[in-house]
Amino acid sequence: MVNEGLAFALEVAALAVLAWWGADVGDGLALSVLLGVGVPLVTAVVWGLFAAPKARIRLPLAGVLLVKVLVFGAATAALYALDHGALALVGAVIVVANLALATLDRNALVRNRA
């Protein structure tokens, strides 16, 4: 349960970082707003389609993990691009630990059902 709460917090943090990056990279107010809103919006749609617990498109575990790695990798790269390399590294370590625990929990649940 704690790991699921952490997973949700990491997902929200990734969207916030992508919004920050989008707003920062945009040249001019219009592009900053467009990227600051658009990048996390597109990311949230992709997450909802493929990686959310009630995803519309059910992927095998490897596909779900790939989507999560892409989203969290983008957020890590965005933090690094914003000159927060140490925070990017800490966040990446936390994400890897969280995904590993979630995958182990999921596999244990599947084994117990069998």
Protein backbone atom coordinates (compact mmCIF):
# COMPACT_ATOMS: atom_id res chain seq x y z
CA MET A 1 0.00 0.00 0.00
CA VAL A 2 2.84 2.42 0.85
CA ASN A 3 4.61 1.59 -2.41
CA GLU A 4 1.39 2.29 -4.35
CA GLY A 5 1.12 5.69 -2.66
CA LEU A 6 4.75 6.40 -3.51
CA ALA A 7 4.08 5.34 -7.12
CA PHE A 8 1.23 7.84 -7.39
CA ALA A 9 3.38 10.62 -5.89
CA LEU A 10 6.15 9.81 -8.38
CA GLU A 11 3.68 9.93 -11.28
CA VAL A 12 2.40 13.34 -10.20
CA ALA A 13 5.96 14.57 -9.67
CA ALA A 14 6.92 13.40 -13.17
CA LEU A 15 4.03 15.39 -14.66
CA ALA A 16 5.02 18.46 -12.63
CA VAL A 17 8.65 18.21 -13.74
CA LEU A 18 7.60 17.84 -17.37
CA ALA A 19 5.36 20.92 -17.02
CA TRP A 20 8.25 22.86 -15.46
CA TRP A 21 10.60 21.77 -18.25
CA GLY A 22 8.06 22.63 -20.95
CA ALA A 23 7.46 26.08 -19.52
CA ASP A 24 11.20 26.67 -19.14
CA VAL A 25 12.22 25.51 -22.62
CA GLY A 26 9.53 27.48 -24.44
CA ASP A 27 10.76 30.63 -26.15
CA GLY A 28 8.15 33.28 -25.44
CA LEU A 29 4.99 33.19 -23.36
CA ALA A 30 2.79 31.35 -25.88
CA LEU A 31 5.26 28.51 -26.46
CA SER A 32 6.06 28.26 -22.74
CA VAL A 33 2.37 27.87 -21.91
CA LEU A 34 1.79 25.45 -24.79
CA LEU A 35 4.70 23.20 -23.79
CA GLY A 36 4.11 23.63 -20.06
CA VAL A 37 0.56 22.36 -20.47
CA GLY A 38 0.92 20.18 -23.56
CA VAL A 39 3.87 17.98 -22.55
CA PRO A 40 2.35 16.77 -19.27
CA LEU A 41 -1.08 16.47 -20.90
CA VAL A 42 0.23 14.19 -23.67
CA THR A 43 2.20 12.24 -21.06
CA ALA A 44 -0.90 11.78 -18.90
CA VAL A 45 -2.90 10.54 -21.89
CA VAL A 46 -0.20 8.02 -22.81
CA TRP A 47 -0.01 6.90 -19.17
CA GLY A 48 -3.78 6.51 -18.97
CA LEU A 49 -3.91 4.51 -22.19
CA PHE A 50 -1.05 2.12 -21.45
CA ALA A 51 0.35 2.25 -17.89
CA ALA A 52 -2.47 3.12 -15.48
CA PRO A 53 -3.97 0.36 -13.34
CA LYS A 54 -7.20 0.66 -15.38
CA ALA A 55 -5.48 1.37 -18.70
CA ARG A 56 -7.70 1.36 -21.77
CA ILE A 57 -5.14 -0.68 -23.71
CA ARG A 58 -3.85 -3.66 -21.73
CA LEU A 59 -0.19 -4.32 -22.43
CA PRO A 60 1.90 -7.19 -21.14
CA LEU A 61 4.08 -6.34 -18.14
CA ALA A 62 7.08 -5.59 -20.36
CA GLY A 63 5.05 -3.03 -22.32
CA VAL A 64 3.75 -1.33 -19.18
CA LEU A 65 7.28 -1.15 -17.78
CA LEU A 66 8.53 0.31 -21.06
CA VAL A 67 5.94 3.10 -20.92
CA LYS A 68 6.84 3.81 -17.29
CA VAL A 69 10.56 3.86 -18.07
CA LEU A 70 9.94 6.28 -20.95
CA VAL A 71 7.84 8.63 -18.81
CA PHE A 72 10.13 8.57 -15.79
CA GLY A 73 13.18 8.71 -18.04
CA ALA A 74 11.79 11.84 -19.69
CA ALA A 75 11.16 13.41 -16.29
CA THR A 76 14.69 12.52 -15.18
CA ALA A 77 16.15 14.00 -18.37
CA ALA A 78 14.01 17.11 -17.88
CA LEU A 79 15.31 17.59 -14.34
CA TYR A 80 18.85 17.19 -15.61
CA ALA A 81 18.18 19.72 -18.39
CA LEU A 82 16.89 22.12 -15.73
CA ASP A 83 20.32 21.88 -14.02
CA HIS A 84 19.09 19.66 -11.19
CA GLY A 85 21.32 16.65 -11.87
CA ALA A 86 21.53 15.51 -8.25
CA LEU A 87 17.76 15.62 -7.86
CA ALA A 88 17.40 13.75 -11.16
CA LEU A 89 19.71 11.01 -9.88
CA VAL A 90 17.91 10.70 -6.54
CA GLY A 91 14.54 10.61 -8.30
CA ALA A 92 15.73 7.96 -10.75
CA VAL A 93 16.96 5.74 -7.91
CA ILE A 94 13.63 6.08 -6.09
CA VAL A 95 11.69 5.30 -9.29
CA VAL A 96 13.78 2.19 -10.00
CA ALA A 97 13.27 0.93 -6.43
CA ASN A 98 9.54 1.65 -6.62
CA LEU A 99 9.12 -0.10 -9.98
CA ALA A 100 11.14 -3.09 -8.79
CA LEU A 101 9.02 -3.48 -5.66
CA ALA A 102 5.79 -3.05 -7.61
CA THR A 103 6.89 -5.68 -10.13
CA LEU A 104 7.87 -8.12 -7.38
CA ASP A 105 4.53 -7.54 -5.63
CA ARG A 106 2.66 -8.08 -8.90
CA ASN A 107 4.56 -11.30 -9.62
CA ALA A 108 3.94 -12.59 -6.09
CA LEU A 109 0.23 -11.84 -6.46
CA VAL A 110 0.08 -13.74 -9.75
CA ARG A 111 1.90 -16.73 -8.22
CA ASN A 112 -0.45 -16.80 -5.23
CA ARG A 113 -3.49 -16.86 -7.53
CA ALA A 114 -2.12 -19.83 -9.45
